Amino acid sequence: MDATGCFALQRQNADTPHAILQMALSKEGAIAGSFYNTATEKTRPVHGSVDKQTQRAAWTVGNGAGGKMIMETGVHNLTEAKSQVLFILGRTKARKWILIRMNKPKPETTTSKL
């Protein structure tokens, strides 16, 4: 099971992703990575952890400036091609977003012209 990778984050009923999430999950359950907002073109750090009993992954986006964003999903969802993530902004706004795993780029092959 590989929960590490890059994901597009898309609002429900949206046509294009709102953000790109790059994250890594350690064997100890620590989450680290970055969150790129496609509208603002700003990147913010991601920090979080996995609750080993419930297998819920939760992480914060940013360092608290400009409002606290929290995301939460099951660890298994991070291994799927497409799933849902709960996006919480502030104390009252919680929305379900779509989490889409991005494929790893294929290695480029070079051809030599001799």
PDB file of N, CA and C in Angstrom:
ATOM      1  N   MET A   1       0.846  -1.172   0.000  1.00  0.00           N
ATOM      2  CA  MET A   1       0.000   0.000   0.000  1.00  0.00           C
ATOM      3  C   MET A   1       0.889   1.232   0.000  1.00  0.00           C
ATOM      4  N   ASP A   2       0.702   2.105  -1.001  1.00  0.00           N
ATOM      5  CA  ASP A   2       1.500   3.319  -1.090  1.00  0.00           C
ATOM      6  C   ASP A   2       0.598   4.536  -0.973  1.00  0.00           C
ATOM      7  N   ALA A   3       0.674   5.219   0.162  1.00  0.00           N
ATOM      8  CA  ALA A   3      -0.134   6.416   0.390  1.00  0.00           C
ATOM      9  C   ALA A   3       0.656   7.675   0.060  1.00  0.00           C
ATOM     10  N   THR A   4       1.883   7.519  -0.388  1.00  0.00           N
ATOM     11  CA  THR A   4       2.724   8.644  -0.759  1.00  0.00           C
ATOM     12  C   THR A   4       2.463   9.003  -2.218  1.00  0.00           C
ATOM     13  N   GLY A   5       2.464  10.295  -2.530  1.00  0.00           N
ATOM     14  CA  GLY A   5       2.300  10.674  -3.925  1.00  0.00           C
ATOM     15  C   GLY A   5       1.771  12.076  -4.111  1.00  0.00           C
ATOM     16  N   CYS A   6       1.324  12.333  -5.340  1.00  0.00           N
ATOM     17  CA  CYS A   6       0.740  13.625  -5.701  1.00  0.00           C
ATOM     18  C   CYS A   6      -0.731  13.414  -6.026  1.00  0.00           C
ATOM     19  N   PHE A   7      -1.540  14.359  -5.588  1.00  0.00           N
ATOM     20  CA  PHE A   7      -2.980  14.266  -5.764  1.00  0.00           C
ATOM     21  C   PHE A   7      -3.524  15.603  -6.245  1.00  0.00           C
ATOM     22  N   ALA A   8      -4.497  15.553  -7.138  1.00  0.00           N
ATOM     23  CA  ALA A   8      -5.254  16.742  -7.506  1.00  0.00           C
ATOM     24  C   ALA A   8      -6.439  16.809  -6.553  1.00  0.00           C
ATOM     25  N   LEU A   9      -6.743  18.000  -6.066  1.00  0.00           N
ATOM     26  CA  LEU A   9      -7.888  18.215  -5.191  1.00  0.00           C
ATOM     27  C   LEU A   9      -8.921  19.034  -5.948  1.00  0.00           C
ATOM     28  N   GLN A  10     -10.123  18.490  -6.017  1.00  0.00           N
ATOM     29  CA  GLN A  10     -11.157  19.126  -6.819  1.00  0.00           C
ATOM     30  C   GLN A  10     -12.429  19.251  -5.992  1.00  0.00           C
ATOM     31  N   ARG A  11     -13.054  20.405  -6.067  1.00  0.00           N
ATOM     32  CA  ARG A  11     -14.335  20.599  -5.392  1.00  0.00           C
ATOM     33  C   ARG A  11     -15.388  19.716  -6.057  1.00  0.00           C
ATOM     34  N   GLN A  12     -16.404  19.331  -5.286  1.00  0.00           N
ATOM     35  CA  GLN A  12     -17.519  18.567  -5.845  1.00  0.00           C
ATOM     36  C   GLN A  12     -18.116  19.361  -7.002  1.00  0.00           C
ATOM     37  N   ASN A  13     -18.454  18.702  -8.087  1.00  0.00           N
ATOM     38  CA  ASN A  13     -19.091  19.294  -9.271  1.00  0.00           C
ATOM     39  C   ASN A  13     -18.215  20.310  -9.998  1.00  0.00           C
ATOM     40  N   ALA A  14     -16.930  20.336  -9.750  1.00  0.00           N
ATOM     41  CA  ALA A  14     -16.021  21.236 -10.461  1.00  0.00           C
ATOM     42  C   ALA A  14     -15.411  20.491 -11.646  1.00  0.00           C
ATOM     43  N   ASP A  15     -14.988  21.256 -12.644  1.00  0.00           N
ATOM     44  CA  ASP A  15     -14.392  20.657 -13.841  1.00  0.00           C
ATOM     45  C   ASP A  15     -12.877  20.537 -13.760  1.00  0.00           C
ATOM     46  N   THR A  16     -12.248  21.392 -12.959  1.00  0.00           N
ATOM     47  CA  THR A  16     -10.791  21.401 -12.884  1.00  0.00           C
ATOM     48  C   THR A  16     -10.348  21.365 -11.431  1.00  0.00           C
ATOM     49  N   PRO A  17      -9.150  20.869 -11.175  1.00  0.00           N
ATOM     50  CA  PRO A  17      -8.629  20.835  -9.813  1.00  0.00           C
ATOM     51  C   PRO A  17      -8.396  22.240  -9.252  1.00  0.00           C
ATOM     52  N   HIS A  18      -8.602  22.364  -7.961  1.00  0.00           N
ATOM     53  CA  HIS A  18      -8.373  23.623  -7.259  1.00  0.00           C
ATOM     54  C   HIS A  18      -6.960  23.665  -6.669  1.00  0.00           C
ATOM     55  N   ALA A  19      -6.409  22.486  -6.409  1.00  0.00           N
ATOM     56  CA  ALA A  19      -5.103  22.432  -5.750  1.00  0.00           C
ATOM     57  C   ALA A  19      -4.401  21.127  -6.089  1.00  0.00           C
ATOM     58  N   ILE A  20      -3.093  21.125  -5.838  1.00  0.00           N
ATOM     59  CA  ILE A  20      -2.266  19.927  -5.975  1.00  0.00           C
ATOM     60  C   ILE A  20      -1.658  19.646  -4.602  1.00  0.00           C
ATOM     61  N   LEU A  21      -1.790  18.426  -4.147  1.00  0.00           N
ATOM     62  CA  LEU A  21      -1.266  18.009  -2.856  1.00  0.00           C
ATOM     63  C   LEU A  21      -0.169  16.988  -3.088  1.00  0.00           C
ATOM     64  N   GLN A  22       1.013  17.278  -2.591  1.00  0.00           N
ATOM     65  CA  GLN A  22       2.132  16.329  -2.632  1.00  0.00           C
ATOM     66  C   GLN A  22       2.381  15.934  -1.194  1.00  0.00           C
ATOM     67  N   MET A  23       2.360  14.628  -0.913  1.00  0.00           N
ATOM     68  CA  MET A  23       2.558  14.222   0.474  1.00  0.00           C
ATOM     69  C   MET A  23       3.302  12.903   0.586  1.00  0.00           C
ATOM     70  N   ALA A  24       3.954  12.769   1.721  1.00  0.00           N
ATOM     71  CA  ALA A  24       4.664  11.537   2.055  1.00  0.00           C
ATOM     72  C   ALA A  24       4.192  11.093   3.428  1.00  0.00           C
ATOM     73  N   LEU A  25       4.086   9.798   3.593  1.00  0.00           N
ATOM     74  CA  LEU A  25       3.638   9.201   4.848  1.00  0.00           C
ATOM     75  C   LEU A  25       4.737   8.273   5.343  1.00  0.00           C
ATOM     76  N   SER A  26       5.263   8.550   6.537  1.00  0.00           N
ATOM     77  CA  SER A  26       6.330   7.710   7.089  1.00  0.00           C
ATOM     78  C   SER A  26       5.747   6.447   7.714  1.00  0.00           C
ATOM     79  N   LYS A  27       6.596   5.460   7.981  1.00  0.00           N
ATOM     80  CA  LYS A  27       6.157   4.229   8.632  1.00  0.00           C
ATOM     81  C   LYS A  27       5.619   4.494  10.033  1.00  0.00           C
ATOM     82  N   GLU A  28       6.089   5.578  10.648  1.00  0.00           N
ATOM     83  CA  GLU A  28       5.621   5.947  11.992  1.00  0.00           C
ATOM     84  C   GLU A  28       4.286   6.673  11.957  1.00  0.00           C
ATOM     85  N   GLY A  29       3.796   7.036  10.758  1.00  0.00           N
ATOM     86  CA  GLY A  29       2.508   7.695  10.636  1.00  0.00           C
ATOM     87  C   GLY A  29       2.569   9.201  10.499  1.00  0.00           C
ATOM     88  N   ALA A  30       3.762   9.762  10.330  1.00  0.00           N
ATOM     89  CA  ALA A  30       3.891  11.213  10.142  1.00  0.00           C
ATOM     90  C   ALA A  30       3.604  11.561   8.683  1.00  0.00           C
ATOM     91  N   ILE A  31       2.919  12.683   8.484  1.00  0.00           N
ATOM     92  CA  ILE A  31       2.600  13.173   7.142  1.00  0.00           C
ATOM     93  C   ILE A  31       3.319  14.497   6.932  1.00  0.00           C
ATOM     94  N   ALA A  32       3.942  14.643   5.770  1.00  0.00           N
ATOM     95  CA  ALA A  32       4.601  15.897   5.403  1.00  0.00           C
ATOM     96  C   ALA A  32       4.449  16.091   3.901  1.00  0.00           C
ATOM     97  N   GLY A  33       4.485  17.339   3.468  1.00  0.00           N
ATOM     98  CA  GLY A  33       4.389  17.598   2.044  1.00  0.00           C
ATOM     99  C   GLY A  33       4.108  19.054   1.748  1.00  0.00           C
ATOM    100  N   SER A  34       3.439  19.295   0.601  1.00  0.00           N
ATOM    101  CA  SER A  34       3.116  20.663   0.215  1.00  0.00           C
ATOM    102  C   SER A  34       1.766  20.703  -0.496  1.00  0.00           C
ATOM    103  N   PHE A  35       1.138  21.865  -0.423  1.00  0.00           N
ATOM    104  CA  PHE A  35      -0.181  22.125  -0.989  1.00  0.00           C
ATOM    105  C   PHE A  35      -0.039  23.328  -1.902  1.00  0.00           C
ATOM    106  N   TYR A  36      -0.354  23.147  -3.192  1.00  0.00           N
ATOM    107  CA  TYR A  36      -0.253  24.229  -4.166  1.00  0.00           C
ATOM    108  C   TYR A  36      -1.654  24.627  -4.599  1.00  0.00           C
ATOM    109  N   ASN A  37      -2.038  25.880  -4.346  1.00  0.00           N
ATOM    110  CA  ASN A  37      -3.337  26.410  -4.733  1.00  0.00           C
ATOM    111  C   ASN A  37      -3.219  26.935  -6.166  1.00  0.00           C
ATOM    112  N   THR A  38      -3.970  26.348  -7.088  1.00  0.00           N
ATOM    113  CA  THR A  38      -3.854  26.734  -8.490  1.00  0.00           C
ATOM    114  C   THR A  38      -4.414  28.130  -8.764  1.00  0.00           C
ATOM    115  N   ALA A  39      -5.351  28.603  -7.947  1.00  0.00           N
ATOM    116  CA  ALA A  39      -5.937  29.934  -8.146  1.00  0.00           C
ATOM    117  C   ALA A  39      -4.990  31.043  -7.691  1.00  0.00           C
ATOM    118  N   THR A  40      -4.361  30.849  -6.526  1.00  0.00           N
ATOM    119  CA  THR A  40      -3.478  31.882  -5.974  1.00  0.00           C
ATOM    120  C   THR A  40      -2.020  31.673  -6.362  1.00  0.00           C
ATOM    121  N   GLU A  41      -1.712  30.487  -6.886  1.00  0.00           N
ATOM    122  CA  GLU A  41      -0.340  30.102  -7.234  1.00  0.00           C
ATOM    123  C   GLU A  41       0.598  30.160  -6.025  1.00  0.00           C
ATOM    124  N   LYS A  42       0.074  29.835  -4.852  1.00  0.00           N
ATOM    125  CA  LYS A  42       0.883  29.817  -3.628  1.00  0.00           C
ATOM    126  C   LYS A  42       1.011  28.390  -3.122  1.00  0.00           C
ATOM    127  N   THR A  43       2.183  28.104  -2.577  1.00  0.00           N
ATOM    128  CA  THR A  43       2.464  26.795  -2.001  1.00  0.00           C
ATOM    129  C   THR A  43       2.576  26.938  -0.493  1.00  0.00           C
ATOM    130  N   ARG A  44       1.954  25.997   0.215  1.00  0.00           N
ATOM    131  CA  ARG A  44       1.994  26.014   1.674  1.00  0.00           C
ATOM    132  C   ARG A  44       2.414  24.635   2.176  1.00  0.00           C
ATOM    133  N   PRO A  45       3.077  24.568   3.337  1.00  0.00           N
ATOM    134  CA  PRO A  45       3.505  23.274   3.867  1.00  0.00           C
ATOM    135  C   PRO A  45       2.325  22.465   4.406  1.00  0.00           C
ATOM    136  N   VAL A  46       2.511  21.156   4.425  1.00  0.00           N
ATOM    137  CA  VAL A  46       1.520  20.215   4.947  1.00  0.00           C
ATOM    138  C   VAL A  46       2.179  19.409   6.058  1.00  0.00           C
ATOM    139  N   HIS A  47       1.485  19.285   7.197  1.00  0.00           N
ATOM    140  CA  HIS A  47       1.969  18.497   8.333  1.00  0.00           C
ATOM    141  C   HIS A  47       0.792  17.757   8.949  1.00  0.00           C
ATOM    142  N   GLY A  48       1.008  16.516   9.351  1.00  0.00           N
ATOM    143  CA  GLY A  48      -0.076  15.782   9.982  1.00  0.00           C
ATOM    144  C   GLY A  48       0.370  14.421  10.456  1.00  0.00           C
ATOM    145  N   SER A  49      -0.620  13.567  10.712  1.00  0.00           N
ATOM    146  CA  SER A  49      -0.310  12.223  11.192  1.00  0.00           C
ATOM    147  C   SER A  49      -1.497  11.297  10.954  1.00  0.00           C
ATOM    148  N   VAL A  50      -1.229  10.008  11.162  1.00  0.00           N
ATOM    149  CA  VAL A  50      -2.239   8.972  11.023  1.00  0.00           C
ATOM    150  C   VAL A  50      -2.549   8.422  12.403  1.00  0.00           C
ATOM    151  N   ASP A  51      -3.829   8.309  12.722  1.00  0.00           N
ATOM    152  CA  ASP A  51      -4.250   7.641  13.951  1.00  0.00           C
ATOM    153  C   ASP A  51      -4.186   6.142  13.660  1.00  0.00           C
ATOM    154  N   LYS A  52      -3.282   5.436  14.303  1.00  0.00           N
ATOM    155  CA  LYS A  52      -3.055   4.026  13.990  1.00  0.00           C
ATOM    156  C   LYS A  52      -4.252   3.147  14.326  1.00  0.00           C
ATOM    157  N   GLN A  53      -5.064   3.536  15.316  1.00  0.00           N
ATOM    158  CA  GLN A  53      -6.244   2.736  15.660  1.00  0.00           C
ATOM    159  C   GLN A  53      -7.357   2.885  14.633  1.00  0.00           C
ATOM    160  N   THR A  54      -7.655   4.107  14.237  1.00  0.00           N
ATOM    161  CA  THR A  54      -8.772   4.350  13.319  1.00  0.00           C
ATOM    162  C   THR A  54      -8.355   4.359  11.858  1.00  0.00           C
ATOM    163  N   GLN A  55      -7.030   4.444  11.587  1.00  0.00           N
ATOM    164  CA  GLN A  55      -6.494   4.548  10.232  1.00  0.00           C
ATOM    165  C   GLN A  55      -6.994   5.800   9.513  1.00  0.00           C
ATOM    166  N   ARG A  56      -7.222   6.884  10.285  1.00  0.00           N
ATOM    167  CA  ARG A  56      -7.605   8.174   9.724  1.00  0.00           C
ATOM    168  C   ARG A  56      -6.361   9.035   9.591  1.00  0.00           C
ATOM    169  N   ALA A  57      -6.200   9.622   8.407  1.00  0.00           N
ATOM    170  CA  ALA A  57      -5.094  10.543   8.162  1.00  0.00           C
ATOM    171  C   ALA A  57      -5.658  11.959   8.248  1.00  0.00           C
ATOM    172  N   ALA A  58      -4.992  12.819   9.003  1.00  0.00           N
ATOM    173  CA  ALA A  58      -5.408  14.217   9.122  1.00  0.00           C
ATOM    174  C   ALA A  58      -4.174  15.091   9.027  1.00  0.00           C
ATOM    175  N   TRP A  59      -4.299  16.207   8.294  1.00  0.00           N
ATOM    176  CA  TRP A  59      -3.162  17.102   8.136  1.00  0.00           C
ATOM    177  C   TRP A  59      -3.648  18.540   8.043  1.00  0.00           C
ATOM    178  N   THR A  60      -2.768  19.447   8.436  1.00  0.00           N
ATOM    179  CA  THR A  60      -3.049  20.874   8.310  1.00  0.00           C
ATOM    180  C   THR A  60      -2.284  21.407   7.111  1.00  0.00           C
ATOM    181  N   VAL A  61      -2.842  22.447   6.526  1.00  0.00           N
ATOM    182  CA  VAL A  61      -2.216  23.121   5.388  1.00  0.00           C
ATOM    183  C   VAL A  61      -1.802  24.502   5.854  1.00  0.00           C
ATOM    184  N   GLY A  62      -0.522  24.821   5.701  1.00  0.00           N
ATOM    185  CA  GLY A  62      -0.011  26.134   6.095  1.00  0.00           C
ATOM    186  C   GLY A  62       0.460  26.165   7.518  1.00  0.00           C
ATOM    187  N   ASN A  63       0.831  27.354   7.923  1.00  0.00           N
ATOM    188  CA  ASN A  63       1.359  27.539   9.275  1.00  0.00           C
ATOM    189  C   ASN A  63       0.406  28.331  10.154  1.00  0.00           C
ATOM    190  N   GLY A  64      -0.870  28.386   9.777  1.00  0.00           N
ATOM    191  CA  GLY A  64      -1.868  29.077  10.573  1.00  0.00           C
ATOM    192  C   GLY A  64      -2.197  30.469  10.073  1.00  0.00           C
ATOM    193  N   ALA A  65      -1.326  31.078   9.271  1.00  0.00           N
ATOM    194  CA  ALA A  65      -1.599  32.417   8.746  1.00  0.00           C
ATOM    195  C   ALA A  65      -2.656  32.321   7.649  1.00  0.00           C
ATOM    196  N   GLY A  66      -3.624  33.208   7.670  1.00  0.00           N
ATOM    197  CA  GLY A  66      -4.646  33.232   6.634  1.00  0.00           C
ATOM    198  C   GLY A  66      -5.730  32.193   6.820  1.00  0.00           C
ATOM    199  N   GLY A  67      -5.939  31.717   8.027  1.00  0.00           N
ATOM    200  CA  GLY A  67      -6.975  30.724   8.280  1.00  0.00           C
ATOM    201  C   GLY A  67      -6.421  29.320   8.274  1.00  0.00           C
ATOM    202  N   LYS A  68      -6.903  28.513   9.172  1.00  0.00           N
ATOM    203  CA  LYS A  68      -6.405  27.158   9.304  1.00  0.00           C
ATOM    204  C   LYS A  68      -7.212  26.215   8.416  1.00  0.00           C
ATOM    205  N   MET A  69      -6.514  25.453   7.600  1.00  0.00           N
ATOM    206  CA  MET A  69      -7.153  24.443   6.759  1.00  0.00           C
ATOM    207  C   MET A  69      -6.743  23.072   7.267  1.00  0.00           C
ATOM    208  N   ILE A  70      -7.718  22.206   7.409  1.00  0.00           N
ATOM    209  CA  ILE A  70      -7.477  20.835   7.848  1.00  0.00           C
ATOM    210  C   ILE A  70      -8.097  19.901   6.826  1.00  0.00           C
ATOM    211  N   MET A  71      -7.406  18.814   6.522  1.00  0.00           N
ATOM    212  CA  MET A  71      -7.938  17.799   5.623  1.00  0.00           C
ATOM    213  C   MET A  71      -7.879  16.456   6.335  1.00  0.00           C
ATOM    214  N   GLU A  72      -8.874  15.610   6.031  1.00  0.00           N
ATOM    215  CA  GLU A  72      -8.958  14.319   6.703  1.00  0.00           C
ATOM    216  C   GLU A  72      -9.555  13.276   5.766  1.00  0.00           C
ATOM    217  N   THR A  73      -8.983  12.079   5.804  1.00  0.00           N
ATOM    218  CA  THR A  73      -9.500  10.957   5.026  1.00  0.00           C
ATOM    219  C   THR A  73      -8.948   9.658   5.605  1.00  0.00           C
ATOM    220  N   GLY A  74      -9.477   8.546   5.170  1.00  0.00           N
ATOM    221  CA  GLY A  74      -8.939   7.254   5.570  1.00  0.00           C
ATOM    222  C   GLY A  74      -7.639   6.973   4.832  1.00  0.00           C
ATOM    223  N   VAL A  75      -6.725   6.296   5.473  1.00  0.00           N
ATOM    224  CA  VAL A  75      -5.431   5.981   4.836  1.00  0.00           C
ATOM    225  C   VAL A  75      -5.656   5.200   3.547  1.00  0.00           C
ATOM    226  N   HIS A  76      -6.614   4.290   3.554  1.00  0.00           N
ATOM    227  CA  HIS A  76      -6.875   3.498   2.349  1.00  0.00           C
ATOM    228  C   HIS A  76      -7.256   4.399   1.170  1.00  0.00           C
ATOM    229  N   ASN A  77      -7.961   5.507   1.424  1.00  0.00           N
ATOM    230  CA  ASN A  77      -8.344   6.430   0.350  1.00  0.00           C
ATOM    231  C   ASN A  77      -7.128   7.011  -0.356  1.00  0.00           C
ATOM    232  N   LEU A  78      -6.015   7.124   0.345  1.00  0.00           N
ATOM    233  CA  LEU A  78      -4.794   7.677  -0.245  1.00  0.00           C
ATOM    234  C   LEU A  78      -4.141   6.707  -1.232  1.00  0.00           C
ATOM    235  N   THR A  79      -4.610   5.470  -1.263  1.00  0.00           N
ATOM    236  CA  THR A  79      -4.069   4.486  -2.187  1.00  0.00           C
ATOM    237  C   THR A  79      -4.953   4.312  -3.418  1.00  0.00           C
ATOM    238  N   GLU A  80      -6.131   4.907  -3.396  1.00  0.00           N
ATOM    239  CA  GLU A  80      -7.096   4.773  -4.491  1.00  0.00           C
ATOM    240  C   GLU A  80      -6.828   5.787  -5.599  1.00  0.00           C
ATOM    241  N   ALA A  81      -7.325   5.499  -6.798  1.00  0.00           N
ATOM    242  CA  ALA A  81      -7.188   6.427  -7.920  1.00  0.00           C
ATOM    243  C   ALA A  81      -8.046   7.667  -7.708  1.00  0.00           C
ATOM    244  N   LYS A  82      -9.203   7.495  -7.062  1.00  0.00           N
ATOM    245  CA  LYS A  82     -10.111   8.608  -6.820  1.00  0.00           C
ATOM    246  C   LYS A  82     -10.906   8.317  -5.551  1.00  0.00           C
ATOM    247  N   SER A  83     -10.988   9.285  -4.661  1.00  0.00           N
ATOM    248  CA  SER A  83     -11.734   9.104  -3.417  1.00  0.00           C
ATOM    249  C   SER A  83     -12.169  10.472  -2.899  1.00  0.00           C
ATOM    250  N   GLN A  84     -12.664  10.492  -1.668  1.00  0.00           N
ATOM    251  CA  GLN A  84     -13.094  11.751  -1.065  1.00  0.00           C
ATOM    252  C   GLN A  84     -12.187  12.124   0.090  1.00  0.00           C
ATOM    253  N   VAL A  85     -12.105  13.425   0.327  1.00  0.00           N
ATOM    254  CA  VAL A  85     -11.371  13.962   1.463  1.00  0.00           C
ATOM    255  C   VAL A  85     -12.253  15.044   2.081  1.00  0.00           C
ATOM    256  N   LEU A  86     -12.267  15.119   3.406  1.00  0.00           N
ATOM    257  CA  LEU A  86     -13.003  16.166   4.099  1.00  0.00           C
ATOM    258  C   LEU A  86     -12.094  17.374   4.232  1.00  0.00           C
ATOM    259  N   PHE A  87     -12.544  18.511   3.740  1.00  0.00           N
ATOM    260  CA  PHE A  87     -11.778  19.748   3.756  1.00  0.00           C
ATOM    261  C   PHE A  87     -12.451  20.687   4.752  1.00  0.00           C
ATOM    262  N   ILE A  88     -11.733  21.068   5.803  1.00  0.00           N
ATOM    263  CA  ILE A  88     -12.289  21.900   6.869  1.00  0.00           C
ATOM    264  C   ILE A  88     -11.537  23.222   6.890  1.00  0.00           C
ATOM    265  N   LEU A  89     -12.292  24.309   6.768  1.00  0.00           N
ATOM    266  CA  LEU A  89     -11.712  25.649   6.788  1.00  0.00           C
ATOM    267  C   LEU A  89     -12.353  26.412   7.938  1.00  0.00           C
ATOM    268  N   GLY A  90     -11.525  26.818   8.886  1.00  0.00           N
ATOM    269  CA  GLY A  90     -12.058  27.524  10.055  1.00  0.00           C
ATOM    270  C   GLY A  90     -12.838  26.580  10.948  1.00  0.00           C
ATOM    271  N   ARG A  91     -13.788  27.134  11.685  1.00  0.00           N
ATOM    272  CA  ARG A  91     -14.558  26.314  12.628  1.00  0.00           C
ATOM    273  C   ARG A  91     -15.875  25.805  12.066  1.00  0.00           C
ATOM    274  N   THR A  92     -16.357  26.409  10.989  1.00  0.00           N
ATOM    275  CA  THR A  92     -17.706  26.075  10.540  1.00  0.00           C
ATOM    276  C   THR A  92     -17.810  25.539   9.124  1.00  0.00           C
ATOM    277  N   LYS A  93     -16.808  25.697   8.305  1.00  0.00           N
ATOM    278  CA  LYS A  93     -16.912  25.270   6.909  1.00  0.00           C
ATOM    279  C   LYS A  93     -16.248  23.915   6.699  1.00  0.00           C
ATOM    280  N   ALA A  94     -17.054  22.910   6.412  1.00  0.00           N
ATOM    281  CA  ALA A  94     -16.543  21.571   6.100  1.00  0.00           C
ATOM    282  C   ALA A  94     -17.179  21.125   4.795  1.00  0.00           C
ATOM    283  N   ARG A  95     -16.339  20.709   3.858  1.00  0.00           N
ATOM    284  CA  ARG A  95     -16.810  20.281   2.546  1.00  0.00           C
ATOM    285  C   ARG A  95     -16.108  18.985   2.158  1.00  0.00           C
ATOM    286  N   LYS A  96     -16.808  18.169   1.391  1.00  0.00           N
ATOM    287  CA  LYS A  96     -16.177  16.981   0.812  1.00  0.00           C
ATOM    288  C   LYS A  96     -15.618  17.369  -0.540  1.00  0.00           C
ATOM    289  N   TRP A  97     -14.348  17.084  -0.736  1.00  0.00           N
ATOM    290  CA  TRP A  97     -13.680  17.325  -2.004  1.00  0.00           C
ATOM    291  C   TRP A  97     -13.293  15.983  -2.605  1.00  0.00           C
ATOM    292  N   ILE A  98     -12.927  16.008  -3.863  1.00  0.00           N
ATOM    293  CA  ILE A  98     -12.479  14.804  -4.553  1.00  0.00           C
ATOM    294  C   ILE A  98     -10.956  14.797  -4.569  1.00  0.00           C
ATOM    295  N   LEU A  99     -10.403  13.667  -4.213  1.00  0.00           N
ATOM    296  CA  LEU A  99      -8.953  13.462  -4.172  1.00  0.00           C
ATOM    297  C   LEU A  99      -8.600  12.523  -5.328  1.00  0.00           C
ATOM    298  N   ILE A 100      -7.817  12.999  -6.287  1.00  0.00           N
ATOM    299  CA  ILE A 100      -7.485  12.224  -7.478  1.00  0.00           C
ATOM    300  C   ILE A 100      -5.977  11.973  -7.511  1.00  0.00           C
ATOM    301  N   ARG A 101      -5.606  10.709  -7.469  1.00  0.00           N
ATOM    302  CA  ARG A 101      -4.175  10.360  -7.517  1.00  0.00           C
ATOM    303  C   ARG A 101      -3.622  10.674  -8.897  1.00  0.00           C
ATOM    304  N   MET A 102      -2.499  11.371  -8.916  1.00  0.00           N
ATOM    305  CA  MET A 102      -1.844  11.700 -10.177  1.00  0.00           C
ATOM    306  C   MET A 102      -0.820  10.614 -10.484  1.00  0.00           C
ATOM    307  N   ASN A 103      -0.769  10.201 -11.729  1.00  0.00           N
ATOM    308  CA  ASN A 103       0.176   9.166 -12.141  1.00  0.00           C
ATOM    309  C   ASN A 103       1.606   9.698 -12.092  1.00  0.00           C
ATOM    310  N   LYS A 104       2.509   8.808 -11.748  1.00  0.00           N
ATOM    311  CA  LYS A 104       3.924   9.169 -11.799  1.00  0.00           C
ATOM    312  C   LYS A 104       4.327   9.356 -13.246  1.00  0.00           C
ATOM    313  N   PRO A 105       5.145  10.365 -13.531  1.00  0.00           N
ATOM    314  CA  PRO A 105       5.578  10.541 -14.919  1.00  0.00           C
ATOM    315  C   PRO A 105       6.398   9.347 -15.388  1.00  0.00           C
ATOM    316  N   LYS A 106       6.192   8.994 -16.630  1.00  0.00           N
ATOM    317  CA  LYS A 106       6.963   7.892 -17.195  1.00  0.00           C
ATOM    318  C   LYS A 106       8.361   8.401 -17.504  1.00  0.00           C
ATOM    319  N   PRO A 107       9.372   7.573 -17.254  1.00  0.00           N
ATOM    320  CA  PRO A 107      10.727   8.001 -17.561  1.00  0.00           C
ATOM    321  C   PRO A 107      10.882   8.245 -19.051  1.00  0.00           C
ATOM    322  N   GLU A 108      11.558   9.309 -19.365  1.00  0.00           N
ATOM    323  CA  GLU A 108      11.812   9.623 -20.773  1.00  0.00           C
ATOM    324  C   GLU A 108      12.901   8.713 -21.303  1.00  0.00           C
ATOM    325  N   THR A 109      12.693   8.267 -22.518  1.00  0.00           N
ATOM    326  CA  THR A 109      13.733   7.471 -23.154  1.00  0.00           C
ATOM    327  C   THR A 109      14.383   8.341 -24.205  1.00  0.00           C
ATOM    328  N   THR A 110      15.644   8.259 -24.244  1.00  0.00           N
ATOM    329  CA  THR A 110      16.393   9.062 -25.241  1.00  0.00           C
ATOM    330  C   THR A 110      16.866   8.141 -26.337  1.00  0.00           C
ATOM    331  N   THR A 111      16.825   8.648 -27.508  1.00  0.00           N
ATOM    332  CA  THR A 111      17.356   7.892 -28.635  1.00  0.00           C
ATOM    333  C   THR A 111      18.572   8.617 -29.174  1.00  0.00           C
ATOM    334  N   SER A 112      19.530   7.873 -29.461  1.00  0.00           N
ATOM    335  CA  SER A 112      20.780   8.430 -29.955  1.00  0.00           C
ATOM    336  C   SER A 112      20.794   8.395 -31.467  1.00  0.00           C
ATOM    337  N   LYS A 113      21.135   9.517 -32.058  1.00  0.00           N
ATOM    338  CA  LYS A 113      21.260   9.568 -33.511  1.00  0.00           C
ATOM    339  C   LYS A 113      22.749   9.594 -33.864  1.00  0.00           C
ATOM    340  N   LEU A 114      23.224   8.456 -34.243  1.00  0.00           N
ATOM    341  CA  LEU A 114      24.643   8.336 -34.614  1.00  0.00           C
ATOM    342  C   LEU A 114      24.820   8.268 -36.081  1.00  0.00           C
TER     343      LEU A 114
END
